[in-house]
Amino acid sequence: VLMMVLDEAHLLNISVAQSHQGQGWGRYLLVQMMAIGREKGGLNM
């Protein structure tokens, strides 16, 4: 869950099921959320 406030991206919640942890999926999801923050005009997260 990502909230945009002006040019700030606030990551409110991020989680990966335990059966999928330790495989890089948390990093993958975080990278995607960072990209979305940038696309929405975010300068900082």
All heavy atoms as atom14 arrays in JSON, in Angstrom:
{
  "sequence": "VLMMVLDEAHLLNISVAQSHQGQGWGRYLLVQMMAIGREKGGLNM",
  "atom14_mask": [
    [1, 1, 1, 1, 1, 1, 1, 0, 0, 0, 0, 0, 0, 0],
    [1, 1, 1, 1, 1, 1, 1, 1, 0, 0, 0, 0, 0, 0],
    [1, 1, 1, 1, 1, 1, 1, 1, 0, 0, 0, 0, 0, 0],
    [1, 1, 1, 1, 1, 1, 1, 1, 0, 0, 0, 0, 0, 0],
    [1, 1, 1, 1, 1, 1, 1, 0, 0, 0, 0, 0, 0, 0],
    [1, 1, 1, 1, 1, 1, 1, 1, 0, 0, 0, 0, 0, 0],
    [1, 1, 1, 1, 1, 1, 1, 1, 0, 0, 0, 0, 0, 0],
    [1, 1, 1, 1, 1, 1, 1, 1, 1, 0, 0, 0, 0, 0],
    [1, 1, 1, 1, 1, 0, 0, 0, 0, 0, 0, 0, 0, 0],
    [1, 1, 1, 1, 1, 1, 1, 1, 1, 1, 0, 0, 0, 0],
    [1, 1, 1, 1, 1, 1, 1, 1, 0, 0, 0, 0, 0, 0],
    [1, 1, 1, 1, 1, 1, 1, 1, 0, 0, 0, 0, 0, 0],
    [1, 1, 1, 1, 1, 1, 1, 1, 0, 0, 0, 0, 0, 0],
    [1, 1, 1, 1, 1, 1, 1, 1, 0, 0, 0, 0, 0, 0],
    [1, 1, 1, 1, 1, 1, 0, 0, 0, 0, 0, 0, 0, 0],
    [1, 1, 1, 1, 1, 1, 1, 0, 0, 0, 0, 0, 0, 0],
    [1, 1, 1, 1, 1, 0, 0, 0, 0, 0, 0, 0, 0, 0],
    [1, 1, 1, 1, 1, 1, 1, 1, 1, 0, 0, 0, 0, 0],
    [1, 1, 1, 1, 1, 1, 0, 0, 0, 0, 0, 0, 0, 0],
    [1, 1, 1, 1, 1, 1, 1, 1, 1, 1, 0, 0, 0, 0],
    [1, 1, 1, 1, 1, 1, 1, 1, 1, 0, 0, 0, 0, 0],
    [1, 1, 1, 1, 0, 0, 0, 0, 0, 0, 0, 0, 0, 0],
    [1, 1, 1, 1, 1, 1, 1, 1, 1, 0, 0, 0, 0, 0],
    [1, 1, 1, 1, 0, 0, 0, 0, 0, 0, 0, 0, 0, 0],
    [1, 1, 1, 1, 1, 1, 1, 1, 1, 1, 1, 1, 1, 1],
    [1, 1, 1, 1, 0, 0, 0, 0, 0, 0, 0, 0, 0, 0],
    [1, 1, 1, 1, 1, 1, 1, 1, 1, 1, 1, 0, 0, 0],
    [1, 1, 1, 1, 1, 1, 1, 1, 1, 1, 1, 1, 0, 0],
    [1, 1, 1, 1, 1, 1, 1, 1, 0, 0, 0, 0, 0, 0],
    [1, 1, 1, 1, 1, 1, 1, 1, 0, 0, 0, 0, 0, 0],
    [1, 1, 1, 1, 1, 1, 1, 0, 0, 0, 0, 0, 0, 0],
    [1, 1, 1, 1, 1, 1, 1, 1, 1, 0, 0, 0, 0, 0],
    [1, 1, 1, 1, 1, 1, 1, 1, 0, 0, 0, 0, 0, 0],
    [1, 1, 1, 1, 1, 1, 1, 1, 0, 0, 0, 0, 0, 0],
    [1, 1, 1, 1, 1, 0, 0, 0, 0, 0, 0, 0, 0, 0],
    [1, 1, 1, 1, 1, 1, 1, 1, 0, 0, 0, 0, 0, 0],
    [1, 1, 1, 1, 0, 0, 0, 0, 0, 0, 0, 0, 0, 0],
    [1, 1, 1, 1, 1, 1, 1, 1, 1, 1, 1, 0, 0, 0],
    [1, 1, 1, 1, 1, 1, 1, 1, 1, 0, 0, 0, 0, 0],
    [1, 1, 1, 1, 1, 1, 1, 1, 1, 0, 0, 0, 0, 0],
    [1, 1, 1, 1, 0, 0, 0, 0, 0, 0, 0, 0, 0, 0],
    [1, 1, 1, 1, 0, 0, 0, 0, 0, 0, 0, 0, 0, 0],
    [1, 1, 1, 1, 1, 1, 1, 1, 0, 0, 0, 0, 0, 0],
    [1, 1, 1, 1, 1, 1, 1, 1, 0, 0, 0, 0, 0, 0],
    [1, 1, 1, 1, 1, 1, 1, 1, 0, 0, 0, 0, 0, 0]
  ],
  "atom14_positions": [
    [[0.86, -1.18, 0.0], [0.0, 0.0, 0.0], [0.9, 1.23, 0.0], [1.77, 1.37, 0.87], [-0.93, 0.02, 1.23], [-1.78, 1.29, 1.25], [-1.81, -1.23, 1.27], [0.0, 0.0, 0.0], [0.0, 0.0, 0.0], [0.0, 0.0, 0.0], [0.0, 0.0, 0.0], [0.0, 0.0, 0.0], [0.0, 0.0, 0.0], [0.0, 0.0, 0.0]],
    [[0.69, 2.1, -0.99], [1.49, 3.31, -1.16], [0.56, 4.52, -1.2], [-0.41, 4.53, -1.94], [2.27, 3.23, -2.48], [3.21, 4.39, -2.8], [4.44, 4.34, -1.91], [3.61, 4.33, -4.27], [0.0, 0.0, 0.0], [0.0, 0.0, 0.0], [0.0, 0.0, 0.0], [0.0, 0.0, 0.0], [0.0, 0.0, 0.0], [0.0, 0.0, 0.0]],
    [[0.87, 5.52, -0.4], [0.1, 6.76, -0.36], [0.98, 7.88, -0.91], [2.13, 8.04, -0.5], [-0.29, 7.08, 1.09], [-0.97, 8.43, 1.27], [-1.38, 8.79, 3.0], [0.26, 9.09, 3.7], [0.0, 0.0, 0.0], [0.0, 0.0, 0.0], [0.0, 0.0, 0.0], [0.0, 0.0, 0.0], [0.0, 0.0, 0.0], [0.0, 0.0, 0.0]],
    [[0.43, 8.63, -1.85], [1.13, 9.79, -2.38], [0.62, 11.05, -1.69], [-0.59, 11.25, -1.57], [0.91, 9.92, -3.89], [1.49, 8.79, -4.71], [3.27, 8.57, -4.57], [3.87, 10.15, -5.16], [0.0, 0.0, 0.0], [0.0, 0.0, 0.0], [0.0, 0.0, 0.0], [0.0, 0.0, 0.0], [0.0, 0.0, 0.0], [0.0, 0.0, 0.0]],
    [[1.55, 11.89, -1.22], [1.22, 13.19, -0.66], [2.12, 14.19, -1.37], [3.33, 14.21, -1.13], [1.46, 13.25, 0.87], [1.14, 14.63, 1.41], [0.63, 12.18, 1.59], [0.0, 0.0, 0.0], [0.0, 0.0, 0.0], [0.0, 0.0, 0.0], [0.0, 0.0, 0.0], [0.0, 0.0, 0.0], [0.0, 0.0, 0.0], [0.0, 0.0, 0.0]],
    [[1.53, 14.94, -2.29], [2.27, 15.87, -3.14], [3.38, 15.1, -3.84], [3.11, 14.17, -4.58], [2.78, 17.06, -2.33], [1.68, 17.88, -1.62], [2.29, 18.94, -0.71], [0.73, 18.49, -2.62], [0.0, 0.0, 0.0], [0.0, 0.0, 0.0], [0.0, 0.0, 0.0], [0.0, 0.0, 0.0], [0.0, 0.0, 0.0], [0.0, 0.0, 0.0]],
    [[4.66, 15.44, -3.59], [5.76, 14.74, -4.26], [6.43, 13.71, -3.36], [7.57, 13.34, -3.58], [6.78, 15.74, -4.81], [7.44, 16.58, -3.73], [7.07, 16.44, -2.53], [8.33, 17.38, -4.08], [0.0, 0.0, 0.0], [0.0, 0.0, 0.0], [0.0, 0.0, 0.0], [0.0, 0.0, 0.0], [0.0, 0.0, 0.0], [0.0, 0.0, 0.0]],
    [[5.7, 13.25, -2.34], [6.23, 12.25, -1.42], [5.45, 10.94, -1.54], [4.22, 10.95, -1.51], [6.14, 12.74, 0.03], [6.96, 13.96, 0.32], [6.81, 14.45, 1.74], [5.97, 13.92, 2.5], [7.55, 15.38, 2.08], [0.0, 0.0, 0.0], [0.0, 0.0, 0.0], [0.0, 0.0, 0.0], [0.0, 0.0, 0.0], [0.0, 0.0, 0.0]],
    [[6.16, 9.85, -1.65], [5.56, 8.52, -1.66], [5.76, 7.92, -0.27], [6.88, 7.86, 0.23], [6.24, 7.65, -2.71], [0.0, 0.0, 0.0], [0.0, 0.0, 0.0], [0.0, 0.0, 0.0], [0.0, 0.0, 0.0], [0.0, 0.0, 0.0], [0.0, 0.0, 0.0], [0.0, 0.0, 0.0], [0.0, 0.0, 0.0], [0.0, 0.0, 0.0]],
    [[4.67, 7.51, 0.34], [4.72, 6.92, 1.68], [4.31, 5.46, 1.59], [3.16, 5.16, 1.25], [3.8, 7.66, 2.65], [4.22, 9.06, 2.91], [4.9, 9.43, 4.03], [4.08, 10.19, 2.16], [5.16, 10.73, 3.98], [4.67, 11.22, 2.85], [0.0, 0.0, 0.0], [0.0, 0.0, 0.0], [0.0, 0.0, 0.0], [0.0, 0.0, 0.0]],
    [[5.26, 4.56, 1.86], [4.97, 3.13, 1.85], [4.34, 2.78, 3.19], [5.0, 2.84, 4.23], [6.26, 2.32, 1.62], [6.06, 0.83, 1.42], [5.26, 0.54, 0.15], [7.41, 0.13, 1.36], [0.0, 0.0, 0.0], [0.0, 0.0, 0.0], [0.0, 0.0, 0.0], [0.0, 0.0, 0.0], [0.0, 0.0, 0.0], [0.0, 0.0, 0.0]],
    [[3.06, 2.47, 3.18], [2.32, 2.24, 4.41], [2.35, 0.79, 4.85], [2.27, 0.49, 6.04], [0.86, 2.69, 4.25], [0.65, 4.15, 3.85], [-0.83, 4.45, 3.72], [1.32, 5.09, 4.84], [0.0, 0.0, 0.0], [0.0, 0.0, 0.0], [0.0, 0.0, 0.0], [0.0, 0.0, 0.0], [0.0, 0.0, 0.0], [0.0, 0.0, 0.0]],
    [[2.42, -0.13, 3.89], [2.41, -1.56, 4.22], [3.01, -2.31, 3.04], [2.73, -1.98, 1.89], [0.97, -2.03, 4.48], [0.89, -3.39, 5.12], [1.66, -4.29, 4.82], [-0.08, -3.56, 6.02], [0.0, 0.0, 0.0], [0.0, 0.0, 0.0], [0.0, 0.0, 0.0], [0.0, 0.0, 0.0], [0.0, 0.0, 0.0], [0.0, 0.0, 0.0]],
    [[3.82, -3.3, 3.35], [4.36, -4.2, 2.33], [4.6, -5.54, 3.02], [5.11, -5.58, 4.14], [5.65, -3.64, 1.69], [6.1, -4.51, 0.53], [6.74, -3.41, 2.72], [7.2, -3.88, -0.33], [0.0, 0.0, 0.0], [0.0, 0.0, 0.0], [0.0, 0.0, 0.0], [0.0, 0.0, 0.0], [0.0, 0.0, 0.0], [0.0, 0.0, 0.0]],
    [[4.19, -6.61, 2.36], [4.32, -7.91, 2.99], [4.34, -9.01, 1.93], [3.67, -8.9, 0.9], [3.16, -8.14, 3.96], [3.4, -9.25, 4.78], [0.0, 0.0, 0.0], [0.0, 0.0, 0.0], [0.0, 0.0, 0.0], [0.0, 0.0, 0.0], [0.0, 0.0, 0.0], [0.0, 0.0, 0.0], [0.0, 0.0, 0.0], [0.0, 0.0, 0.0]],
    [[5.08, -10.06, 2.22], [5.16, -11.23, 1.35], [4.82, -12.45, 2.2], [5.28, -12.58, 3.34], [6.58, -11.37, 0.74], [6.72, -12.68, -0.02], [6.88, -10.19, -0.16], [0.0, 0.0, 0.0], [0.0, 0.0, 0.0], [0.0, 0.0, 0.0], [0.0, 0.0, 0.0], [0.0, 0.0, 0.0], [0.0, 0.0, 0.0], [0.0, 0.0, 0.0]],
    [[3.99, -13.34, 1.66], [3.61, -14.56, 2.37], [4.87, -15.32, 2.78], [5.85, -15.38, 2.04], [2.73, -15.43, 1.47], [0.0, 0.0, 0.0], [0.0, 0.0, 0.0], [0.0, 0.0, 0.0], [0.0, 0.0, 0.0], [0.0, 0.0, 0.0], [0.0, 0.0, 0.0], [0.0, 0.0, 0.0], [0.0, 0.0, 0.0], [0.0, 0.0, 0.0]],
    [[4.83, -15.92, 3.96], [6.01, -16.62, 4.48], [6.52, -17.68, 3.52], [7.73, -17.88, 3.41], [5.72, -17.21, 5.85], [5.76, -16.17, 6.94], [5.85, -16.77, 8.33], [5.57, -17.94, 8.56], [6.24, -15.93, 9.28], [0.0, 0.0, 0.0], [0.0, 0.0, 0.0], [0.0, 0.0, 0.0], [0.0, 0.0, 0.0], [0.0, 0.0, 0.0]],
    [[5.63, -18.35, 2.81], [6.07, -19.41, 1.88], [6.86, -18.85, 0.69], [7.51, -19.6, -0.03], [4.86, -20.19, 1.36], [3.97, -19.33, 0.67], [0.0, 0.0, 0.0], [0.0, 0.0, 0.0], [0.0, 0.0, 0.0], [0.0, 0.0, 0.0], [0.0, 0.0, 0.0], [0.0, 0.0, 0.0], [0.0, 0.0, 0.0], [0.0, 0.0, 0.0]],
    [[6.83, -17.53, 0.5], [7.55, -16.9, -0.6], [8.68, -15.99, -0.12], [9.34, -15.33, -0.93], [6.59, -16.1, -1.48], [5.58, -16.96, -2.18], [5.89, -17.75, -3.26], [4.28, -17.17, -1.93], [4.82, -18.41, -3.65], [3.82, -18.08, -2.85], [0.0, 0.0, 0.0], [0.0, 0.0, 0.0], [0.0, 0.0, 0.0], [0.0, 0.0, 0.0]],
    [[8.92, -15.95, 1.19], [9.98, -15.1, 1.71], [11.35, -15.73, 1.46], [11.47, -16.93, 1.26], [9.77, -14.85, 3.21], [8.58, -13.97, 3.48], [8.33, -13.72, 4.96], [9.14, -14.08, 5.82], [7.21, -13.1, 5.27], [0.0, 0.0, 0.0], [0.0, 0.0, 0.0], [0.0, 0.0, 0.0], [0.0, 0.0, 0.0], [0.0, 0.0, 0.0]],
    [[12.37, -14.88, 1.45], [13.73, -15.34, 1.25], [14.06, -15.68, -0.19], [15.09, -16.3, -0.46], [0.0, 0.0, 0.0], [0.0, 0.0, 0.0], [0.0, 0.0, 0.0], [0.0, 0.0, 0.0], [0.0, 0.0, 0.0], [0.0, 0.0, 0.0], [0.0, 0.0, 0.0], [0.0, 0.0, 0.0], [0.0, 0.0, 0.0], [0.0, 0.0, 0.0]],
    [[13.2, -15.27, -1.14], [13.41, -15.59, -2.55], [13.54, -14.33, -3.41], [13.55, -14.41, -4.63], [12.23, -16.43, -3.06], [12.06, -17.73, -2.29], [10.75, -18.41, -2.64], [10.4, -18.53, -3.81], [10.02, -18.86, -1.64], [0.0, 0.0, 0.0], [0.0, 0.0, 0.0], [0.0, 0.0, 0.0], [0.0, 0.0, 0.0], [0.0, 0.0, 0.0]],
    [[13.6, -13.17, -2.76], [13.76, -11.92, -3.5], [12.45, -11.23, -3.85], [12.47, -10.17, -4.48], [0.0, 0.0, 0.0], [0.0, 0.0, 0.0], [0.0, 0.0, 0.0], [0.0, 0.0, 0.0], [0.0, 0.0, 0.0], [0.0, 0.0, 0.0], [0.0, 0.0, 0.0], [0.0, 0.0, 0.0], [0.0, 0.0, 0.0], [0.0, 0.0, 0.0]],
    [[11.31, -11.8, -3.43], [10.03, -11.21, -3.81], [9.73, -9.92, -3.05], [9.06, -9.03, -3.59], [8.9, -12.21, -3.65], [9.04, -13.38, -4.57], [9.12, -14.69, -4.22], [9.13, -13.34, -6.0], [9.25, -15.48, -5.35], [9.27, -14.67, -6.45], [9.13, -12.32, -6.96], [9.38, -15.0, -7.8], [9.24, -12.65, -8.3], [9.37, -13.98, -8.7]],
    [[10.2, -9.78, -1.83], [10.03, -8.53, -1.1], [10.77, -7.4, -1.79], [10.24, -6.29, -1.95], [0.0, 0.0, 0.0], [0.0, 0.0, 0.0], [0.0, 0.0, 0.0], [0.0, 0.0, 0.0], [0.0, 0.0, 0.0], [0.0, 0.0, 0.0], [0.0, 0.0, 0.0], [0.0, 0.0, 0.0], [0.0, 0.0, 0.0], [0.0, 0.0, 0.0]],
    [[11.98, -7.68, -2.2], [12.78, -6.69, -2.94], [12.1, -6.34, -4.26], [11.99, -5.18, -4.63], [14.19, -7.25, -3.21], [15.1, -6.3, -3.98], [16.5, -6.9, -4.13], [17.08, -7.25, -2.85], [17.73, -6.41, -2.06], [17.9, -5.16, -2.42], [18.23, -6.81, -0.9], [0.0, 0.0, 0.0], [0.0, 0.0, 0.0], [0.0, 0.0, 0.0]],
    [[11.61, -7.35, -4.96], [10.9, -7.13, -6.23], [9.7, -6.21, -6.01], [9.49, -5.24, -6.76], [10.46, -8.47, -6.8], [9.58, -8.36, -8.02], [10.14, -8.21, -9.29], [8.19, -8.39, -7.91], [9.34, -8.1, -10.41], [7.39, -8.28, -9.03], [7.97, -8.13, -10.28], [7.17, -8.01, -11.39], [0.0, 0.0, 0.0], [0.0, 0.0, 0.0]],
    [[8.9, -6.51, -5.0], [7.7, -5.71, -4.73], [8.08, -4.29, -4.33], [7.46, -3.32, -4.79], [6.86, -6.39, -3.64], [5.51, -5.77, -3.31], [4.64, -5.59, -4.54], [4.8, -6.63, -2.25], [0.0, 0.0, 0.0], [0.0, 0.0, 0.0], [0.0, 0.0, 0.0], [0.0, 0.0, 0.0], [0.0, 0.0, 0.0], [0.0, 0.0, 0.0]],
    [[9.12, -4.13, -3.52], [9.58, -2.8, -3.13], [10.05, -2.0, -4.35], [9.72, -0.81, -4.49], [10.7, -2.91, -2.09], [11.3, -1.6, -1.59], [10.24, -0.69, -0.98], [12.41, -1.88, -0.58], [0.0, 0.0, 0.0], [0.0, 0.0, 0.0], [0.0, 0.0, 0.0], [0.0, 0.0, 0.0], [0.0, 0.0, 0.0], [0.0, 0.0, 0.0]],
    [[10.81, -2.63, -5.24], [11.27, -1.96, -6.46], [10.08, -1.49, -7.29], [10.07, -0.37, -7.82], [12.19, -2.89, -7.28], [12.42, -2.35, -8.69], [13.53, -3.07, -6.56], [0.0, 0.0, 0.0], [0.0, 0.0, 0.0], [0.0, 0.0, 0.0], [0.0, 0.0, 0.0], [0.0, 0.0, 0.0], [0.0, 0.0, 0.0], [0.0, 0.0, 0.0]],
    [[9.05, -2.33, -7.39], [7.86, -1.95, -8.15], [7.16, -0.76, -7.51], [6.72, 0.17, -8.21], [6.89, -3.14, -8.26], [7.45, -4.36, -8.94], [8.01, -4.05, -10.32], [7.35, -3.42, -11.14], [9.23, -4.49, -10.57], [0.0, 0.0, 0.0], [0.0, 0.0, 0.0], [0.0, 0.0, 0.0], [0.0, 0.0, 0.0], [0.0, 0.0, 0.0]],
    [[7.07, -0.75, -6.18], [6.4, 0.36, -5.49], [7.22, 1.65, -5.62], [6.66, 2.74, -5.75], [6.15, 0.02, -4.02], [5.23, -1.19, -3.82], [3.69, -1.17, -4.76], [2.76, 0.06, -3.86], [0.0, 0.0, 0.0], [0.0, 0.0, 0.0], [0.0, 0.0, 0.0], [0.0, 0.0, 0.0], [0.0, 0.0, 0.0], [0.0, 0.0, 0.0]],
    [[8.53, 1.54, -5.62], [9.39, 2.71, -5.83], [9.16, 3.27, -7.24], [9.06, 4.5, -7.42], [10.86, 2.33, -5.61], [11.17, 2.03, -4.15], [12.76, 1.19, -3.9], [13.89, 2.42, -4.48], [0.0, 0.0, 0.0], [0.0, 0.0, 0.0], [0.0, 0.0, 0.0], [0.0, 0.0, 0.0], [0.0, 0.0, 0.0], [0.0, 0.0, 0.0]],
    [[9.06, 2.39, -8.23], [8.82, 2.82, -9.61], [7.47, 3.52, -9.73], [7.35, 4.56, -10.39], [8.91, 1.63, -10.56], [0.0, 0.0, 0.0], [0.0, 0.0, 0.0], [0.0, 0.0, 0.0], [0.0, 0.0, 0.0], [0.0, 0.0, 0.0], [0.0, 0.0, 0.0], [0.0, 0.0, 0.0], [0.0, 0.0, 0.0], [0.0, 0.0, 0.0]],
    [[6.46, 2.98, -9.07], [5.14, 3.6, -9.09], [5.19, 4.97, -8.42], [4.61, 5.94, -8.93], [4.1, 2.68, -8.42], [3.86, 1.46, -9.31], [2.8, 3.43, -8.13], [3.11, 0.33, -8.63], [0.0, 0.0, 0.0], [0.0, 0.0, 0.0], [0.0, 0.0, 0.0], [0.0, 0.0, 0.0], [0.0, 0.0, 0.0], [0.0, 0.0, 0.0]],
    [[5.9, 5.07, -7.31], [6.06, 6.36, -6.64], [6.68, 7.39, -7.57], [6.22, 8.54, -7.62], [0.0, 0.0, 0.0], [0.0, 0.0, 0.0], [0.0, 0.0, 0.0], [0.0, 0.0, 0.0], [0.0, 0.0, 0.0], [0.0, 0.0, 0.0], [0.0, 0.0, 0.0], [0.0, 0.0, 0.0], [0.0, 0.0, 0.0], [0.0, 0.0, 0.0]],
    [[7.72, 6.99, -8.31], [8.36, 7.89, -9.27], [7.37, 8.29, -10.38], [7.28, 9.46, -10.75], [9.58, 7.23, -9.91], [10.86, 7.42, -9.12], [12.09, 6.99, -9.91], [12.12, 5.57, -10.24], [12.52, 4.61, -9.41], [12.93, 4.91, -8.2], [12.52, 3.36, -9.79], [0.0, 0.0, 0.0], [0.0, 0.0, 0.0], [0.0, 0.0, 0.0]],
    [[6.65, 7.3, -10.91], [5.68, 7.57, -11.98], [4.6, 8.54, -11.54], [4.09, 9.31, -12.35], [5.01, 6.26, -12.44], [5.92, 5.33, -13.19], [5.32, 3.94, -13.38], [4.11, 3.76, -13.12], [6.07, 3.03, -13.78], [0.0, 0.0, 0.0], [0.0, 0.0, 0.0], [0.0, 0.0, 0.0], [0.0, 0.0, 0.0], [0.0, 0.0, 0.0]],
    [[4.26, 8.5, -10.26], [3.22, 9.38, -9.73], [3.77, 10.74, -9.32], [3.07, 11.54, -8.71], [2.53, 8.72, -8.52], [1.84, 7.43, -8.85], [0.57, 7.69, -9.62], [-0.17, 6.39, -9.91], [-1.32, 6.6, -10.77], [0.0, 0.0, 0.0], [0.0, 0.0, 0.0], [0.0, 0.0, 0.0], [0.0, 0.0, 0.0], [0.0, 0.0, 0.0]],
    [[5.05, 11.01, -9.63], [5.65, 12.3, -9.33], [6.39, 12.38, -8.02], [6.78, 13.47, -7.59], [0.0, 0.0, 0.0], [0.0, 0.0, 0.0], [0.0, 0.0, 0.0], [0.0, 0.0, 0.0], [0.0, 0.0, 0.0], [0.0, 0.0, 0.0], [0.0, 0.0, 0.0], [0.0, 0.0, 0.0], [0.0, 0.0, 0.0], [0.0, 0.0, 0.0]],
    [[6.61, 11.24, -7.38], [7.32, 11.23, -6.11], [8.8, 11.52, -6.28], [9.45, 10.96, -7.17], [0.0, 0.0, 0.0], [0.0, 0.0, 0.0], [0.0, 0.0, 0.0], [0.0, 0.0, 0.0], [0.0, 0.0, 0.0], [0.0, 0.0, 0.0], [0.0, 0.0, 0.0], [0.0, 0.0, 0.0], [0.0, 0.0, 0.0], [0.0, 0.0, 0.0]],
    [[9.3, 12.4, -5.46], [10.73, 12.7, -5.44], [11.44, 11.93, -4.34], [12.64, 11.66, -4.43], [10.96, 14.2, -5.25], [10.35, 15.11, -6.31], [10.61, 16.58, -5.97], [10.88, 14.76, -7.69], [0.0, 0.0, 0.0], [0.0, 0.0, 0.0], [0.0, 0.0, 0.0], [0.0, 0.0, 0.0], [0.0, 0.0, 0.0], [0.0, 0.0, 0.0]],
    [[10.7, 11.59, -3.29], [11.24, 10.85, -2.15], [10.24, 9.81, -1.7], [9.03, 9.97, -1.91], [11.51, 11.8, -0.97], [12.57, 12.82, -1.3], [13.74, 12.49, -1.43], [12.16, 14.07, -1.45], [0.0, 0.0, 0.0], [0.0, 0.0, 0.0], [0.0, 0.0, 0.0], [0.0, 0.0, 0.0], [0.0, 0.0, 0.0], [0.0, 0.0, 0.0]],
    [[10.74, 8.75, -1.08], [9.87, 7.73, -0.48], [10.21, 7.63, 0.99], [11.39, 7.68, 1.37], [10.05, 6.37, -1.16], [9.14, 5.29, -0.55], [9.26, 3.7, -1.4], [7.99, 3.94, -2.64], [0.0, 0.0, 0.0], [0.0, 0.0, 0.0], [0.0, 0.0, 0.0], [0.0, 0.0, 0.0], [0.0, 0.0, 0.0], [0.0, 0.0, 0.0]]
  ]
}
